[in-house]
């Protein structure tokens, strides 16, 4: 048992990290669709705005499992915010978002318990590249020398 448990914990963490990356990919796709079809080219700054259905009855852009900033999914805390330096987009959204859309977004996935639920911190932005750090949360905006997920 003493030999198997560390391996099981590493496998569990790897699964949680893969889930965090999958959630970030889903958010990137949702942001692209939201910008193109709902927000006049702008991006959401809260997961609740992406989860909200449009006023014409279509489903939200993300599932309710990641439908609010600060939600914990598979051991990671997911949050969207405006990318540093972005500006509001003057438009009305198709789903009456609570927050005005912005020209650029930043998304982070931070392990709830570093070293237990995950060893890597993840982030992405309007460019759609997912990056990670093993030392701590990735700053907004993402540094140009950040390490990309392969």
Foldseek 3Di string as FASTA:
>chain_A
DVVVVVVVQVVLLVVLVVVVVVVLLLQLQLQVCQCVPWAVNFGDQWLLQQQFAFPVDHGGSDHPCRRGQQRDDQQWGKGKHFFPPWDFDPDQTRRRGPDGGINKMKMWIHGPDDPRSYQWIWMDMNVSFIFIDRPDHADGPGDPPTHTDD
